[in-house]
Amino acid sequence: MCLAVPMRIVSIDNFIARCATRGVSRDVSLFLIGPENVAAGDYVLVHVGYAIQTISRSDAAASWELFDIINLEQDRLHA
């Protein structure tokens, strides 16, 4: 199973975007979607260091809500 993490673009320098989420910042390649298709403040799904698609802010928030539920369930199962 593959997992893509929603992140917000903070800045863009050519094909590299500085992205952040939940206190974590990463440099992310825009090679797959192109820097001309995104701007600072946009949300993207990041998989193994690459932005693979843009998403809405509400979709990013919904994804994190699901991740939180999964984490809580994992904690409950391993307690």
PDB file of N, CA and C in Angstrom:
ATOM      1  N   MET A   1       0.846  -1.178   0.000  1.00  0.00           N
ATOM      2  CA  MET A   1       0.000   0.000   0.000  1.00  0.00           C
ATOM      3  C   MET A   1       0.885   1.233   0.000  1.00  0.00           C
ATOM      4  N   CYS A   2       0.525   2.211  -0.800  1.00  0.00           N
ATOM      5  CA  CYS A   2       1.248   3.476  -0.861  1.00  0.00           C
ATOM      6  C   CYS A   2       0.493   4.521  -0.057  1.00  0.00           C
ATOM      7  N   LEU A   3       1.241   5.449   0.488  1.00  0.00           N
ATOM      8  CA  LEU A   3       0.644   6.503   1.290  1.00  0.00           C
ATOM      9  C   LEU A   3       1.167   7.846   0.819  1.00  0.00           C
ATOM     10  N   ALA A   4       0.272   8.768   0.552  1.00  0.00           N
ATOM     11  CA  ALA A   4       0.639  10.143   0.206  1.00  0.00           C
ATOM     12  C   ALA A   4       0.159  11.039   1.336  1.00  0.00           C
ATOM     13  N   VAL A   5       1.007  11.971   1.711  1.00  0.00           N
ATOM     14  CA  VAL A   5       0.721  12.855   2.832  1.00  0.00           C
ATOM     15  C   VAL A   5       0.353  14.241   2.308  1.00  0.00           C
ATOM     16  N   PRO A   6      -0.764  14.812   2.777  1.00  0.00           N
ATOM     17  CA  PRO A   6      -1.115  16.163   2.353  1.00  0.00           C
ATOM     18  C   PRO A   6      -0.214  17.186   3.026  1.00  0.00           C
ATOM     19  N   MET A   7       0.323  18.116   2.212  1.00  0.00           N
ATOM     20  CA  MET A   7       1.187  19.170   2.728  1.00  0.00           C
ATOM     21  C   MET A   7       0.843  20.491   2.036  1.00  0.00           C
ATOM     22  N   ARG A   8       1.146  21.600   2.731  1.00  0.00           N
ATOM     23  CA  ARG A   8       0.910  22.929   2.172  1.00  0.00           C
ATOM     24  C   ARG A   8       2.232  23.476   1.652  1.00  0.00           C
ATOM     25  N   ILE A   9       2.197  24.038   0.457  1.00  0.00           N
ATOM     26  CA  ILE A   9       3.394  24.635  -0.126  1.00  0.00           C
ATOM     27  C   ILE A   9       3.664  25.971   0.552  1.00  0.00           C
ATOM     28  N   VAL A  10       4.890  26.117   1.059  1.00  0.00           N
ATOM     29  CA  VAL A  10       5.306  27.354   1.712  1.00  0.00           C
ATOM     30  C   VAL A  10       6.001  28.268   0.709  1.00  0.00           C
ATOM     31  N   SER A  11       6.887  27.696  -0.092  1.00  0.00           N
ATOM     32  CA  SER A  11       7.609  28.471  -1.102  1.00  0.00           C
ATOM     33  C   SER A  11       8.009  27.549  -2.240  1.00  0.00           C
ATOM     34  N   ILE A  12       8.315  28.165  -3.378  1.00  0.00           N
ATOM     35  CA  ILE A  12       8.707  27.401  -4.562  1.00  0.00           C
ATOM     36  C   ILE A  12       9.976  28.013  -5.142  1.00  0.00           C
ATOM     37  N   ASP A  13      10.938  27.149  -5.458  1.00  0.00           N
ATOM     38  CA  ASP A  13      12.160  27.555  -6.132  1.00  0.00           C
ATOM     39  C   ASP A  13      12.370  26.597  -7.296  1.00  0.00           C
ATOM     40  N   ASN A  14      11.925  27.043  -8.484  1.00  0.00           N
ATOM     41  CA  ASN A  14      11.994  26.233  -9.683  1.00  0.00           C
ATOM     42  C   ASN A  14      11.182  24.945  -9.501  1.00  0.00           C
ATOM     43  N   PHE A  15      11.810  23.777  -9.463  1.00  0.00           N
ATOM     44  CA  PHE A  15      11.076  22.513  -9.328  1.00  0.00           C
ATOM     45  C   PHE A  15      11.071  21.972  -7.904  1.00  0.00           C
ATOM     46  N   ILE A  16      11.489  22.788  -6.929  1.00  0.00           N
ATOM     47  CA  ILE A  16      11.500  22.354  -5.535  1.00  0.00           C
ATOM     48  C   ILE A  16      10.567  23.245  -4.722  1.00  0.00           C
ATOM     49  N   ALA A  17       9.659  22.614  -4.005  1.00  0.00           N
ATOM     50  CA  ALA A  17       8.735  23.346  -3.126  1.00  0.00           C
ATOM     51  C   ALA A  17       9.088  23.031  -1.684  1.00  0.00           C
ATOM     52  N   ARG A  18       9.121  24.041  -0.860  1.00  0.00           N
ATOM     53  CA  ARG A  18       9.239  23.825   0.589  1.00  0.00           C
ATOM     54  C   ARG A  18       7.811  23.626   1.072  1.00  0.00           C
ATOM     55  N   CYS A  19       7.529  22.468   1.644  1.00  0.00           N
ATOM     56  CA  CYS A  19       6.184  22.128   2.086  1.00  0.00           C
ATOM     57  C   CYS A  19       6.186  21.874   3.588  1.00  0.00           C
ATOM     58  N   ALA A  20       5.055  22.109   4.211  1.00  0.00           N
ATOM     59  CA  ALA A  20       4.957  21.915   5.654  1.00  0.00           C
ATOM     60  C   ALA A  20       3.609  21.316   6.020  1.00  0.00           C
ATOM     61  N   THR A  21       3.637  20.556   7.108  1.00  0.00           N
ATOM     62  CA  THR A  21       2.422  20.046   7.713  1.00  0.00           C
ATOM     63  C   THR A  21       2.726  19.605   9.133  1.00  0.00           C
ATOM     64  N   ARG A  22       1.874  19.968  10.043  1.00  0.00           N
ATOM     65  CA  ARG A  22       1.972  19.525  11.433  1.00  0.00           C
ATOM     66  C   ARG A  22       3.367  19.683  12.027  1.00  0.00           C
ATOM     67  N   GLY A  23       3.989  20.823  11.751  1.00  0.00           N
ATOM     68  CA  GLY A  23       5.292  21.117  12.324  1.00  0.00           C
ATOM     69  C   GLY A  23       6.479  20.491  11.611  1.00  0.00           C
ATOM     70  N   VAL A  24       6.239  19.804  10.517  1.00  0.00           N
ATOM     71  CA  VAL A  24       7.308  19.178   9.742  1.00  0.00           C
ATOM     72  C   VAL A  24       7.415  19.885   8.400  1.00  0.00           C
ATOM     73  N   SER A  25       8.643  20.248   8.018  1.00  0.00           N
ATOM     74  CA  SER A  25       8.892  20.871   6.719  1.00  0.00           C
ATOM     75  C   SER A  25       9.784  19.963   5.890  1.00  0.00           C
ATOM     76  N   ARG A  26       9.537  19.937   4.599  1.00  0.00           N
ATOM     77  CA  ARG A  26      10.319  19.112   3.678  1.00  0.00           C
ATOM     78  C   ARG A  26      10.454  19.834   2.345  1.00  0.00           C
ATOM     79  N   ASP A  27      11.569  19.567   1.658  1.00  0.00           N
ATOM     80  CA  ASP A  27      11.691  19.969   0.264  1.00  0.00           C
ATOM     81  C   ASP A  27      11.059  18.870  -0.571  1.00  0.00           C
ATOM     82  N   VAL A  28      10.195  19.269  -1.489  1.00  0.00           N
ATOM     83  CA  VAL A  28       9.414  18.323  -2.286  1.00  0.00           C
ATOM     84  C   VAL A  28       9.609  18.649  -3.756  1.00  0.00           C
ATOM     85  N   SER A  29       9.829  17.630  -4.563  1.00  0.00           N
ATOM     86  CA  SER A  29       9.982  17.827  -6.001  1.00  0.00           C
ATOM     87  C   SER A  29       8.628  18.095  -6.656  1.00  0.00           C
ATOM     88  N   LEU A  30       8.615  19.077  -7.545  1.00  0.00           N
ATOM     89  CA  LEU A  30       7.412  19.376  -8.326  1.00  0.00           C
ATOM     90  C   LEU A  30       7.526  18.817  -9.741  1.00  0.00           C
ATOM     91  N   PHE A  31       8.484  17.963  -9.960  1.00  0.00           N
ATOM     92  CA  PHE A  31       8.748  17.411 -11.282  1.00  0.00           C
ATOM     93  C   PHE A  31       7.517  16.751 -11.910  1.00  0.00           C
ATOM     94  N   LEU A  32       6.714  16.078 -11.115  1.00  0.00           N
ATOM     95  CA  LEU A  32       5.570  15.338 -11.669  1.00  0.00           C
ATOM     96  C   LEU A  32       4.366  16.218 -11.993  1.00  0.00           C
ATOM     97  N   ILE A  33       4.226  17.352 -11.318  1.00  0.00           N
ATOM     98  CA  ILE A  33       3.055  18.205 -11.573  1.00  0.00           C
ATOM     99  C   ILE A  33       3.428  19.553 -12.180  1.00  0.00           C
ATOM    100  N   GLY A  34       4.695  19.922 -12.143  1.00  0.00           N
ATOM    101  CA  GLY A  34       5.152  21.171 -12.738  1.00  0.00           C
ATOM    102  C   GLY A  34       4.950  22.366 -11.835  1.00  0.00           C
ATOM    103  N   PRO A  35       5.981  23.186 -11.667  1.00  0.00           N
ATOM    104  CA  PRO A  35       5.887  24.343 -10.778  1.00  0.00           C
ATOM    105  C   PRO A  35       4.903  25.398 -11.265  1.00  0.00           C
ATOM    106  N   GLU A  36       4.593  25.398 -12.547  1.00  0.00           N
ATOM    107  CA  GLU A  36       3.650  26.388 -13.093  1.00  0.00           C
ATOM    108  C   GLU A  36       2.204  26.083 -12.698  1.00  0.00           C
ATOM    109  N   ASN A  37       1.952  24.910 -12.153  1.00  0.00           N
ATOM    110  CA  ASN A  37       0.594  24.494 -11.797  1.00  0.00           C
ATOM    111  C   ASN A  37       0.248  24.681 -10.328  1.00  0.00           C
ATOM    112  N   VAL A  38       1.199  25.185  -9.524  1.00  0.00           N
ATOM    113  CA  VAL A  38       0.970  25.370  -8.097  1.00  0.00           C
ATOM    114  C   VAL A  38       1.554  26.705  -7.638  1.00  0.00           C
ATOM    115  N   ALA A  39       1.122  27.122  -6.455  1.00  0.00           N
ATOM    116  CA  ALA A  39       1.622  28.367  -5.862  1.00  0.00           C
ATOM    117  C   ALA A  39       1.727  28.179  -4.357  1.00  0.00           C
ATOM    118  N   ALA A  40       2.478  29.072  -3.718  1.00  0.00           N
ATOM    119  CA  ALA A  40       2.564  29.041  -2.254  1.00  0.00           C
ATOM    120  C   ALA A  40       1.152  29.127  -1.684  1.00  0.00           C
ATOM    121  N   GLY A  41       0.884  28.299  -0.696  1.00  0.00           N
ATOM    122  CA  GLY A  41      -0.440  28.233  -0.089  1.00  0.00           C
ATOM    123  C   GLY A  41      -1.294  27.091  -0.608  1.00  0.00           C
ATOM    124  N   ASP A  42      -0.936  26.530  -1.760  1.00  0.00           N
ATOM    125  CA  ASP A  42      -1.668  25.380  -2.301  1.00  0.00           C
ATOM    126  C   ASP A  42      -1.331  24.129  -1.498  1.00  0.00           C
ATOM    127  N   TYR A  43      -2.214  23.156  -1.573  1.00  0.00           N
ATOM    128  CA  TYR A  43      -2.010  21.861  -0.917  1.00  0.00           C
ATOM    129  C   TYR A  43      -1.723  20.808  -1.974  1.00  0.00           C
ATOM    130  N   VAL A  44      -0.775  19.925  -1.646  1.00  0.00           N
ATOM    131  CA  VAL A  44      -0.414  18.834  -2.551  1.00  0.00           C
ATOM    132  C   VAL A  44      -0.330  17.539  -1.764  1.00  0.00           C
ATOM    133  N   LEU A  45      -0.494  16.434  -2.467  1.00  0.00           N
ATOM    134  CA  LEU A  45      -0.231  15.121  -1.888  1.00  0.00           C
ATOM    135  C   LEU A  45       1.218  14.778  -2.194  1.00  0.00           C
ATOM    136  N   VAL A  46       1.969  14.395  -1.154  1.00  0.00           N
ATOM    137  CA  VAL A  46       3.395  14.104  -1.302  1.00  0.00           C
ATOM    138  C   VAL A  46       3.628  12.621  -1.061  1.00  0.00           C
ATOM    139  N   HIS A  47       4.308  11.998  -2.010  1.00  0.00           N
ATOM    140  CA  HIS A  47       4.665  10.577  -1.903  1.00  0.00           C
ATOM    141  C   HIS A  47       6.139  10.444  -2.243  1.00  0.00           C
ATOM    142  N   VAL A  48       6.910   9.867  -1.353  1.00  0.00           N
ATOM    143  CA  VAL A  48       8.359   9.663  -1.464  1.00  0.00           C
ATOM    144  C   VAL A  48       9.086  10.894  -2.026  1.00  0.00           C
ATOM    145  N   GLY A  49       8.731  12.056  -1.516  1.00  0.00           N
ATOM    146  CA  GLY A  49       9.439  13.285  -1.882  1.00  0.00           C
ATOM    147  C   GLY A  49       8.939  13.990  -3.118  1.00  0.00           C
ATOM    148  N   TYR A  50       7.880  13.487  -3.735  1.00  0.00           N
ATOM    149  CA  TYR A  50       7.318  14.099  -4.940  1.00  0.00           C
ATOM    150  C   TYR A  50       5.879  14.539  -4.694  1.00  0.00           C
ATOM    151  N   ALA A  51       5.548  15.737  -5.140  1.00  0.00           N
ATOM    152  CA  ALA A  51       4.150  16.157  -5.163  1.00  0.00           C
ATOM    153  C   ALA A  51       3.498  15.430  -6.328  1.00  0.00           C
ATOM    154  N   ILE A  52       2.439  14.682  -6.046  1.00  0.00           N
ATOM    155  CA  ILE A  52       1.831  13.873  -7.106  1.00  0.00           C
ATOM    156  C   ILE A  52       0.514  14.452  -7.604  1.00  0.00           C
ATOM    157  N   GLN A  53      -0.113  15.336  -6.820  1.00  0.00           N
ATOM    158  CA  GLN A  53      -1.306  16.025  -7.289  1.00  0.00           C
ATOM    159  C   GLN A  53      -1.675  17.128  -6.319  1.00  0.00           C
ATOM    160  N   THR A  54      -2.417  18.100  -6.804  1.00  0.00           N
ATOM    161  CA  THR A  54      -2.922  19.150  -5.931  1.00  0.00           C
ATOM    162  C   THR A  54      -4.240  18.680  -5.322  1.00  0.00           C
ATOM    163  N   ILE A  55      -4.533  19.186  -4.134  1.00  0.00           N
ATOM    164  CA  ILE A  55      -5.798  18.885  -3.476  1.00  0.00           C
ATOM    165  C   ILE A  55      -6.304  20.153  -2.802  1.00  0.00           C
ATOM    166  N   SER A  56      -7.557  20.138  -2.438  1.00  0.00           N
ATOM    167  CA  SER A  56      -8.146  21.284  -1.746  1.00  0.00           C
ATOM    168  C   SER A  56      -7.733  21.271  -0.277  1.00  0.00           C
ATOM    169  N   ARG A  57      -7.862  22.434   0.348  1.00  0.00           N
ATOM    170  CA  ARG A  57      -7.574  22.532   1.779  1.00  0.00           C
ATOM    171  C   ARG A  57      -8.487  21.589   2.572  1.00  0.00           C
ATOM    172  N   SER A  58      -9.759  21.522   2.182  1.00  0.00           N
ATOM    173  CA  SER A  58     -10.702  20.669   2.909  1.00  0.00           C
ATOM    174  C   SER A  58     -10.356  19.186   2.737  1.00  0.00           C
ATOM    175  N   ASP A  59      -9.888  18.791   1.563  1.00  0.00           N
ATOM    176  CA  ASP A  59      -9.461  17.396   1.365  1.00  0.00           C
ATOM    177  C   ASP A  59      -8.218  17.077   2.189  1.00  0.00           C
ATOM    178  N   ALA A  60      -7.307  18.043   2.291  1.00  0.00           N
ATOM    179  CA  ALA A  60      -6.118  17.843   3.127  1.00  0.00           C
ATOM    180  C   ALA A  60      -6.532  17.648   4.583  1.00  0.00           C
ATOM    181  N   ALA A  61      -7.437  18.486   5.061  1.00  0.00           N
ATOM    182  CA  ALA A  61      -7.904  18.378   6.450  1.00  0.00           C
ATOM    183  C   ALA A  61      -8.620  17.048   6.685  1.00  0.00           C
ATOM    184  N   ALA A  62      -9.438  16.630   5.731  1.00  0.00           N
ATOM    185  CA  ALA A  62     -10.154  15.357   5.864  1.00  0.00           C
ATOM    186  C   ALA A  62      -9.174  14.187   5.906  1.00  0.00           C
ATOM    187  N   SER A  63      -8.125  14.253   5.114  1.00  0.00           N
ATOM    188  CA  SER A  63      -7.109  13.195   5.129  1.00  0.00           C
ATOM    189  C   SER A  63      -6.441  13.106   6.491  1.00  0.00           C
ATOM    190  N   TRP A  64      -6.082  14.267   7.061  1.00  0.00           N
ATOM    191  CA  TRP A  64      -5.439  14.252   8.377  1.00  0.00           C
ATOM    192  C   TRP A  64      -6.385  13.747   9.456  1.00  0.00           C
ATOM    193  N   GLU A  65      -7.672  14.044   9.328  1.00  0.00           N
ATOM    194  CA  GLU A  65      -8.641  13.505  10.285  1.00  0.00           C
ATOM    195  C   GLU A  65      -8.650  11.981  10.229  1.00  0.00           C
ATOM    196  N   LEU A  66      -8.618  11.423   9.022  1.00  0.00           N
ATOM    197  CA  LEU A  66      -8.584   9.962   8.880  1.00  0.00           C
ATOM    198  C   LEU A  66      -7.295   9.377   9.443  1.00  0.00           C
ATOM    199  N   PHE A  67      -6.157  10.030   9.187  1.00  0.00           N
ATOM    200  CA  PHE A  67      -4.890   9.561   9.744  1.00  0.00           C
ATOM    201  C   PHE A  67      -4.945   9.553  11.266  1.00  0.00           C
ATOM    202  N   ASP A  68      -5.561  10.587  11.859  1.00  0.00           N
ATOM    203  CA  ASP A  68      -5.688  10.646  13.314  1.00  0.00           C
ATOM    204  C   ASP A  68      -6.517   9.483  13.846  1.00  0.00           C
ATOM    205  N   ILE A  69      -7.605   9.165  13.165  1.00  0.00           N
ATOM    206  CA  ILE A  69      -8.460   8.042  13.567  1.00  0.00           C
ATOM    207  C   ILE A  69      -7.675   6.738  13.485  1.00  0.00           C
ATOM    208  N   ILE A  70      -6.931   6.543  12.412  1.00  0.00           N
ATOM    209  CA  ILE A  70      -6.131   5.333  12.245  1.00  0.00           C
ATOM    210  C   ILE A  70      -5.091   5.235  13.361  1.00  0.00           C
ATOM    211  N   ASN A  71      -4.432   6.352  13.661  1.00  0.00           N
ATOM    212  CA  ASN A  71      -3.419   6.346  14.731  1.00  0.00           C
ATOM    213  C   ASN A  71      -4.028   6.018  16.079  1.00  0.00           C
ATOM    214  N   LEU A  72      -5.194   6.569  16.370  1.00  0.00           N
ATOM    215  CA  LEU A  72      -5.859   6.266  17.640  1.00  0.00           C
ATOM    216  C   LEU A  72      -6.214   4.791  17.729  1.00  0.00           C
ATOM    217  N   GLU A  73      -6.697   4.233  16.632  1.00  0.00           N
ATOM    218  CA  GLU A  73      -7.056   2.810  16.619  1.00  0.00           C
ATOM    219  C   GLU A  73      -5.810   1.939  16.793  1.00  0.00           C
ATOM    220  N   GLN A  74      -4.721   2.314  16.130  1.00  0.00           N
ATOM    221  CA  GLN A  74      -3.469   1.564  16.289  1.00  0.00           C
ATOM    222  C   GLN A  74      -2.992   1.617  17.749  1.00  0.00           C
ATOM    223  N   ASP A  75      -3.075   2.793  18.357  1.00  0.00           N
ATOM    224  CA  ASP A  75      -2.682   2.930  19.761  1.00  0.00           C
ATOM    225  C   ASP A  75      -3.558   2.052  20.662  1.00  0.00           C
ATOM    226  N   ARG A  76      -4.870   2.033  20.366  1.00  0.00           N
ATOM    227  CA  ARG A  76      -5.793   1.211  21.160  1.00  0.00           C
ATOM    228  C   ARG A  76      -5.470  -0.267  21.016  1.00  0.00           C
ATOM    229  N   LEU A  77      -5.170  -0.709  19.804  1.00  0.00           N
ATOM    230  CA  LEU A  77      -4.870  -2.120  19.563  1.00  0.00           C
ATOM    231  C   LEU A  77      -3.551  -2.566  20.193  1.00  0.00           C
ATOM    232  N   HIS A  78      -2.620  -1.629  20.321  1.00  0.00           N
ATOM    233  CA  HIS A  78      -1.308  -1.988  20.855  1.00  0.00           C
ATOM    234  C   HIS A  78      -1.123  -1.594  22.306  1.00  0.00           C
ATOM    235  N   ALA A  79      -2.199  -1.191  22.958  1.00  0.00           N
ATOM    236  CA  ALA A  79      -2.107  -0.802  24.386  1.00  0.00           C
ATOM    237  C   ALA A  79      -2.160  -2.007  25.285  1.00  0.00           C
TER     238      ALA A  79
END
